[in-house]
PDB file of all heavy atoms in Angstrom:
ATOM      1  N   GLY A   1       0.828  -1.204   0.000  1.00  0.00           N
ATOM      2  CA  GLY A   1       0.000   0.000   0.000  1.00  0.00           C
ATOM      3  C   GLY A   1       0.860   1.251   0.000  1.00  0.00           C
ATOM      4  O   GLY A   1       1.649   1.469   0.921  1.00  0.00           O
ATOM      5  N   GLN A   2       0.710   2.095  -1.009  1.00  0.00           N
ATOM      6  CA  GLN A   2       1.570   3.271  -1.157  1.00  0.00           C
ATOM      7  C   GLN A   2       1.019   4.449  -0.354  1.00  0.00           C
ATOM      8  O   GLN A   2       0.774   5.524  -0.887  1.00  0.00           O
ATOM      9  CB  GLN A   2       1.723   3.625  -2.632  1.00  0.00           C
ATOM     10  CG  GLN A   2       2.576   2.618  -3.382  1.00  0.00           C
ATOM     11  CD  GLN A   2       2.758   3.003  -4.834  1.00  0.00           C
ATOM     12  OE1 GLN A   2       1.808   3.352  -5.517  1.00  0.00           O
ATOM     13  NE2 GLN A   2       3.973   2.942  -5.312  1.00  0.00           N
ATOM     14  N   ARG A   3       0.844   4.222   0.933  1.00  0.00           N
ATOM     15  CA  ARG A   3       0.377   5.306   1.797  1.00  0.00           C
ATOM     16  C   ARG A   3       0.956   5.184   3.201  1.00  0.00           C
ATOM     17  O   ARG A   3       1.334   6.166   3.794  1.00  0.00           O
ATOM     18  CB  ARG A   3      -1.153   5.337   1.847  1.00  0.00           C
ATOM     19  CG  ARG A   3      -1.790   4.035   2.300  1.00  0.00           C
ATOM     20  CD  ARG A   3      -3.310   4.083   2.181  1.00  0.00           C
ATOM     21  NE  ARG A   3      -3.909   2.858   2.697  1.00  0.00           N
ATOM     22  CZ  ARG A   3      -4.066   1.754   2.006  1.00  0.00           C
ATOM     23  NH1 ARG A   3      -3.657   1.716   0.746  1.00  0.00           N
ATOM     24  NH2 ARG A   3      -4.629   0.683   2.533  1.00  0.00           N
ATOM     25  N   GLY A   4       1.020   3.973   3.774  1.00  0.00           N
ATOM     26  CA  GLY A   4       1.526   3.811   5.128  1.00  0.00           C
ATOM     27  C   GLY A   4       0.466   4.130   6.164  1.00  0.00           C
ATOM     28  O   GLY A   4      -0.662   4.501   5.847  1.00  0.00           O
ATOM     29  N   SER A   5       0.834   4.000   7.424  1.00  0.00           N
ATOM     30  CA  SER A   5      -0.117   4.198   8.519  1.00  0.00           C
ATOM     31  C   SER A   5      -0.003   5.609   9.090  1.00  0.00           C
ATOM     32  O   SER A   5       1.063   6.228   9.054  1.00  0.00           O
ATOM     33  CB  SER A   5       0.153   3.186   9.634  1.00  0.00           C
ATOM     34  OG  SER A   5       1.446   3.381  10.171  1.00  0.00           O
ATOM     35  N   PHE A   6      -1.103   6.089   9.670  1.00  0.00           N
ATOM     36  CA  PHE A   6      -1.100   7.439  10.222  1.00  0.00           C
ATOM     37  C   PHE A   6      -0.142   7.561  11.406  1.00  0.00           C
ATOM     38  O   PHE A   6       0.436   8.627  11.639  1.00  0.00           O
ATOM     39  CB  PHE A   6      -2.506   7.851  10.655  1.00  0.00           C
ATOM     40  CG  PHE A   6      -2.561   9.225  11.246  1.00  0.00           C
ATOM     41  CD1 PHE A   6      -2.447  10.345  10.445  1.00  0.00           C
ATOM     42  CD2 PHE A   6      -2.665   9.401  12.618  1.00  0.00           C
ATOM     43  CE1 PHE A   6      -2.460  11.612  10.986  1.00  0.00           C
ATOM     44  CE2 PHE A   6      -2.677  10.671  13.169  1.00  0.00           C
ATOM     45  CZ  PHE A   6      -2.578  11.781  12.353  1.00  0.00           C
ATOM     46  N   THR A   7       0.014   6.479  12.175  1.00  0.00           N
ATOM     47  CA  THR A   7       0.911   6.549  13.334  1.00  0.00           C
ATOM     48  C   THR A   7       2.343   6.869  12.918  1.00  0.00           C
ATOM     49  O   THR A   7       3.076   7.520  13.657  1.00  0.00           O
ATOM     50  CB  THR A   7       0.890   5.224  14.121  1.00  0.00           C
ATOM     51  OG1 THR A   7       1.158   4.136  13.219  1.00  0.00           O
ATOM     52  CG2 THR A   7      -0.460   5.001  14.780  1.00  0.00           C
ATOM     53  N   GLY A   8       2.733   6.430  11.717  1.00  0.00           N
ATOM     54  CA  GLY A   8       4.071   6.763  11.223  1.00  0.00           C
ATOM     55  C   GLY A   8       4.242   8.249  10.996  1.00  0.00           C
ATOM     56  O   GLY A   8       5.264   8.847  11.366  1.00  0.00           O
ATOM     57  N   ILE A   9       3.240   8.871  10.397  1.00  0.00           N
ATOM     58  CA  ILE A   9       3.276  10.315  10.168  1.00  0.00           C
ATOM     59  C   ILE A   9       3.271  11.067  11.495  1.00  0.00           C
ATOM     60  O   ILE A   9       4.005  12.039  11.709  1.00  0.00           O
ATOM     61  CB  ILE A   9       2.076  10.736   9.297  1.00  0.00           C
ATOM     62  CG1 ILE A   9       2.273  10.251   7.855  1.00  0.00           C
ATOM     63  CG2 ILE A   9       1.888  12.250   9.322  1.00  0.00           C
ATOM     64  CD1 ILE A   9       3.417  10.887   7.121  1.00  0.00           C
ATOM     65  N   GLU A  10       2.416  10.627  12.416  1.00  0.00           N
ATOM     66  CA  GLU A  10       2.334  11.274  13.718  1.00  0.00           C
ATOM     67  C   GLU A  10       3.678  11.224  14.439  1.00  0.00           C
ATOM     68  O   GLU A  10       4.147  12.225  15.006  1.00  0.00           O
ATOM     69  CB  GLU A  10       1.256  10.575  14.554  1.00  0.00           C
ATOM     70  CG  GLU A  10       0.916  11.269  15.857  1.00  0.00           C
ATOM     71  CD  GLU A  10      -0.207  10.567  16.589  1.00  0.00           C
ATOM     72  OE1 GLU A  10      -0.217   9.318  16.602  1.00  0.00           O
ATOM     73  OE2 GLU A  10      -1.070  11.251  17.154  1.00  0.00           O
ATOM     74  N   HIS A  11       4.317  10.067  14.397  1.00  0.00           N
ATOM     75  CA  HIS A  11       5.628   9.878  15.028  1.00  0.00           C
ATOM     76  C   HIS A  11       6.665  10.804  14.393  1.00  0.00           C
ATOM     77  O   HIS A  11       7.461  11.446  15.094  1.00  0.00           O
ATOM     78  CB  HIS A  11       6.038   8.410  14.878  1.00  0.00           C
ATOM     79  CG  HIS A  11       7.472   8.126  15.148  1.00  0.00           C
ATOM     80  ND1 HIS A  11       7.963   7.911  16.421  1.00  0.00           N
ATOM     81  CD2 HIS A  11       8.545   8.023  14.327  1.00  0.00           C
ATOM     82  CE1 HIS A  11       9.269   7.680  16.359  1.00  0.00           C
ATOM     83  NE2 HIS A  11       9.631   7.742  15.103  1.00  0.00           N
ATOM     84  N   THR A  12       6.648  10.888  13.070  1.00  0.00           N
ATOM     85  CA  THR A  12       7.635  11.692  12.352  1.00  0.00           C
ATOM     86  C   THR A  12       7.448  13.181  12.635  1.00  0.00           C
ATOM     87  O   THR A  12       8.416  13.905  12.908  1.00  0.00           O
ATOM     88  CB  THR A  12       7.535  11.423  10.837  1.00  0.00           C
ATOM     89  OG1 THR A  12       7.704  10.030  10.597  1.00  0.00           O
ATOM     90  CG2 THR A  12       8.589  12.210  10.080  1.00  0.00           C
ATOM     91  N   VAL A  13       6.214  13.651  12.560  1.00  0.00           N
ATOM     92  CA  VAL A  13       5.943  15.066  12.809  1.00  0.00           C
ATOM     93  C   VAL A  13       6.312  15.442  14.245  1.00  0.00           C
ATOM     94  O   VAL A  13       6.893  16.507  14.500  1.00  0.00           O
ATOM     95  CB  VAL A  13       4.464  15.387  12.516  1.00  0.00           C
ATOM     96  CG1 VAL A  13       4.105  16.780  13.007  1.00  0.00           C
ATOM     97  CG2 VAL A  13       4.188  15.269  11.023  1.00  0.00           C
ATOM     98  N   ALA A  14       6.012  14.564  15.194  1.00  0.00           N
ATOM     99  CA  ALA A  14       6.377  14.822  16.593  1.00  0.00           C
ATOM    100  C   ALA A  14       7.889  14.965  16.740  1.00  0.00           C
ATOM    101  O   ALA A  14       8.375  15.826  17.488  1.00  0.00           O
ATOM    102  CB  ALA A  14       5.862  13.698  17.483  1.00  0.00           C
ATOM    103  N   ALA A  15       8.649  14.127  16.012  1.00  0.00           N
ATOM    104  CA  ALA A  15      10.109  14.195  16.073  1.00  0.00           C
ATOM    105  C   ALA A  15      10.633  15.515  15.524  1.00  0.00           C
ATOM    106  O   ALA A  15      11.538  16.132  16.104  1.00  0.00           O
ATOM    107  CB  ALA A  15      10.710  13.025  15.290  1.00  0.00           C
ATOM    108  N   ILE A  16      10.057  15.959  14.419  1.00  0.00           N
ATOM    109  CA  ILE A  16      10.506  17.212  13.803  1.00  0.00           C
ATOM    110  C   ILE A  16      10.204  18.396  14.720  1.00  0.00           C
ATOM    111  O   ILE A  16      11.026  19.316  14.880  1.00  0.00           O
ATOM    112  CB  ILE A  16       9.843  17.403  12.421  1.00  0.00           C
ATOM    113  CG1 ILE A  16      10.293  16.291  11.464  1.00  0.00           C
ATOM    114  CG2 ILE A  16      10.181  18.774  11.854  1.00  0.00           C
ATOM    115  CD1 ILE A  16      11.791  16.180  11.262  1.00  0.00           C
ATOM    116  N   ILE A  17       9.033  18.385  15.371  1.00  0.00           N
ATOM    117  CA  ILE A  17       8.680  19.488  16.269  1.00  0.00           C
ATOM    118  C   ILE A  17       9.568  19.481  17.513  1.00  0.00           C
ATOM    119  O   ILE A  17       9.876  20.541  18.077  1.00  0.00           O
ATOM    120  CB  ILE A  17       7.179  19.407  16.641  1.00  0.00           C
ATOM    121  CG1 ILE A  17       6.341  19.691  15.390  1.00  0.00           C
ATOM    122  CG2 ILE A  17       6.826  20.412  17.741  1.00  0.00           C
ATOM    123  CD1 ILE A  17       4.861  19.483  15.583  1.00  0.00           C
ATOM    124  N   GLU A  18      10.011  18.302  17.962  1.00  0.00           N
ATOM    125  CA  GLU A  18      10.969  18.236  19.065  1.00  0.00           C
ATOM    126  C   GLU A  18      12.238  19.013  18.712  1.00  0.00           C
ATOM    127  O   GLU A  18      12.799  19.736  19.537  1.00  0.00           O
ATOM    128  CB  GLU A  18      11.332  16.787  19.382  1.00  0.00           C
ATOM    129  CG  GLU A  18      10.260  15.991  20.090  1.00  0.00           C
ATOM    130  CD  GLU A  18      10.178  16.320  21.563  1.00  0.00           C
ATOM    131  OE1 GLU A  18      11.030  17.070  22.069  1.00  0.00           O
ATOM    132  OE2 GLU A  18       9.237  15.845  22.215  1.00  0.00           O
ATOM    133  N   MET A  19      12.692  18.843  17.477  1.00  0.00           N
ATOM    134  CA  MET A  19      13.939  19.481  17.059  1.00  0.00           C
ATOM    135  C   MET A  19      13.737  20.933  16.638  1.00  0.00           C
ATOM    136  O   MET A  19      14.596  21.781  16.881  1.00  0.00           O
ATOM    137  CB  MET A  19      14.562  18.687  15.903  1.00  0.00           C
ATOM    138  CG  MET A  19      15.009  17.291  16.288  1.00  0.00           C
ATOM    139  SD  MET A  19      15.967  16.478  14.985  1.00  0.00           S
ATOM    140  CE  MET A  19      14.722  16.176  13.749  1.00  0.00           C
ATOM    141  N   PHE A  20      12.611  21.217  15.995  1.00  0.00           N
ATOM    142  CA  PHE A  20      12.321  22.560  15.486  1.00  0.00           C
ATOM    143  C   PHE A  20      10.957  23.012  16.019  1.00  0.00           C
ATOM    144  O   PHE A  20       9.936  22.882  15.326  1.00  0.00           O
ATOM    145  CB  PHE A  20      12.298  22.559  13.953  1.00  0.00           C
ATOM    146  CG  PHE A  20      13.607  22.248  13.300  1.00  0.00           C
ATOM    147  CD1 PHE A  20      13.950  20.940  12.997  1.00  0.00           C
ATOM    148  CD2 PHE A  20      14.499  23.259  12.980  1.00  0.00           C
ATOM    149  CE1 PHE A  20      15.157  20.642  12.387  1.00  0.00           C
ATOM    150  CE2 PHE A  20      15.711  22.976  12.360  1.00  0.00           C
ATOM    151  CZ  PHE A  20      16.043  21.668  12.070  1.00  0.00           C
ATOM    152  N   PRO A  21      10.900  23.517  17.233  1.00  0.00           N
ATOM    153  CA  PRO A  21       9.602  23.917  17.799  1.00  0.00           C
ATOM    154  C   PRO A  21       8.840  24.921  16.941  1.00  0.00           C
ATOM    155  O   PRO A  21       7.601  24.923  16.950  1.00  0.00           O
ATOM    156  CB  PRO A  21       9.982  24.521  19.150  1.00  0.00           C
ATOM    157  CG  PRO A  21      11.290  23.882  19.504  1.00  0.00           C
ATOM    158  CD  PRO A  21      11.999  23.680  18.205  1.00  0.00           C
ATOM    159  N   ILE A  22       9.547  25.766  16.196  1.00  0.00           N
ATOM    160  CA  ILE A  22       8.845  26.776  15.387  1.00  0.00           C
ATOM    161  C   ILE A  22       8.018  26.143  14.276  1.00  0.00           C
ATOM    162  O   ILE A  22       7.082  26.764  13.760  1.00  0.00           O
ATOM    163  CB  ILE A  22       9.822  27.812  14.784  1.00  0.00           C
ATOM    164  CG1 ILE A  22      10.808  27.151  13.811  1.00  0.00           C
ATOM    165  CG2 ILE A  22      10.550  28.581  15.853  1.00  0.00           C
ATOM    166  CD1 ILE A  22      11.589  28.153  12.980  1.00  0.00           C
ATOM    167  N   PHE A  23       8.335  24.895  13.906  1.00  0.00           N
ATOM    168  CA  PHE A  23       7.578  24.250  12.829  1.00  0.00           C
ATOM    169  C   PHE A  23       6.210  23.757  13.303  1.00  0.00           C
ATOM    170  O   PHE A  23       5.415  23.268  12.492  1.00  0.00           O
ATOM    171  CB  PHE A  23       8.368  23.066  12.244  1.00  0.00           C
ATOM    172  CG  PHE A  23       9.617  23.465  11.499  1.00  0.00           C
ATOM    173  CD1 PHE A  23      10.584  22.524  11.168  1.00  0.00           C
ATOM    174  CD2 PHE A  23       9.826  24.783  11.119  1.00  0.00           C
ATOM    175  CE1 PHE A  23      11.736  22.886  10.488  1.00  0.00           C
ATOM    176  CE2 PHE A  23      10.977  25.159  10.433  1.00  0.00           C
ATOM    177  CZ  PHE A  23      11.932  24.215  10.111  1.00  0.00           C
ATOM    178  N   SER A  24       5.924  23.869  14.587  1.00  0.00           N
ATOM    179  CA  SER A  24       4.624  23.405  15.095  1.00  0.00           C
ATOM    180  C   SER A  24       3.465  24.204  14.510  1.00  0.00           C
ATOM    181  O   SER A  24       2.322  23.733  14.511  1.00  0.00           O
ATOM    182  CB  SER A  24       4.598  23.480  16.625  1.00  0.00           C
ATOM    183  OG  SER A  24       4.709  24.827  17.052  1.00  0.00           O
ATOM    184  N   ARG A  25       3.737  25.376  14.002  1.00  0.00           N
ATOM    185  CA  ARG A  25       2.687  26.235  13.447  1.00  0.00           C
ATOM    186  C   ARG A  25       2.490  26.007  11.948  1.00  0.00           C
ATOM    187  O   ARG A  25       1.593  26.597  11.334  1.00  0.00           O
ATOM    188  CB  ARG A  25       3.011  27.705  13.703  1.00  0.00           C
ATOM    189  CG  ARG A  25       3.105  28.056  15.183  1.00  0.00           C
ATOM    190  CD  ARG A  25       3.550  29.500  15.380  1.00  0.00           C
ATOM    191  NE  ARG A  25       2.598  30.446  14.822  1.00  0.00           N
ATOM    192  CZ  ARG A  25       1.536  30.916  15.460  1.00  0.00           C
ATOM    193  NH1 ARG A  25       1.279  30.509  16.693  1.00  0.00           N
ATOM    194  NH2 ARG A  25       0.725  31.774  14.903  1.00  0.00           N
ATOM    195  N   VAL A  26       3.319  25.164  11.364  1.00  0.00           N
ATOM    196  CA  VAL A  26       3.259  24.929   9.914  1.00  0.00           C
ATOM    197  C   VAL A  26       2.247  23.829   9.613  1.00  0.00           C
ATOM    198  O   VAL A  26       2.167  22.830  10.324  1.00  0.00           O
ATOM    199  CB  VAL A  26       4.652  24.542   9.382  1.00  0.00           C
ATOM    200  CG1 VAL A  26       4.596  24.222   7.891  1.00  0.00           C
ATOM    201  CG2 VAL A  26       5.650  25.663   9.651  1.00  0.00           C
ATOM    202  N   ARG A  27       1.481  23.992   8.545  1.00  0.00           N
ATOM    203  CA  ARG A  27       0.495  22.990   8.155  1.00  0.00           C
ATOM    204  C   ARG A  27       1.116  21.947   7.225  1.00  0.00           C
ATOM    205  O   ARG A  27       1.942  22.285   6.379  1.00  0.00           O
ATOM    206  CB  ARG A  27      -0.682  23.645   7.427  1.00  0.00           C
ATOM    207  CG  ARG A  27      -1.520  24.556   8.302  1.00  0.00           C
ATOM    208  CD  ARG A  27      -2.665  25.142   7.479  1.00  0.00           C
ATOM    209  NE  ARG A  27      -3.540  25.983   8.287  1.00  0.00           N
ATOM    210  CZ  ARG A  27      -3.356  27.274   8.500  1.00  0.00           C
ATOM    211  NH1 ARG A  27      -2.302  27.883   7.971  1.00  0.00           N
ATOM    212  NH2 ARG A  27      -4.197  27.964   9.237  1.00  0.00           N
TER     213      ARG A  27
END
């Protein structure tokens, strides 16, 4: 399936916001 699971995206976005808090406001 060429989409993956939502938990993967959630995990990845959480990691990026940990490193770059200013990106939390980006859609």
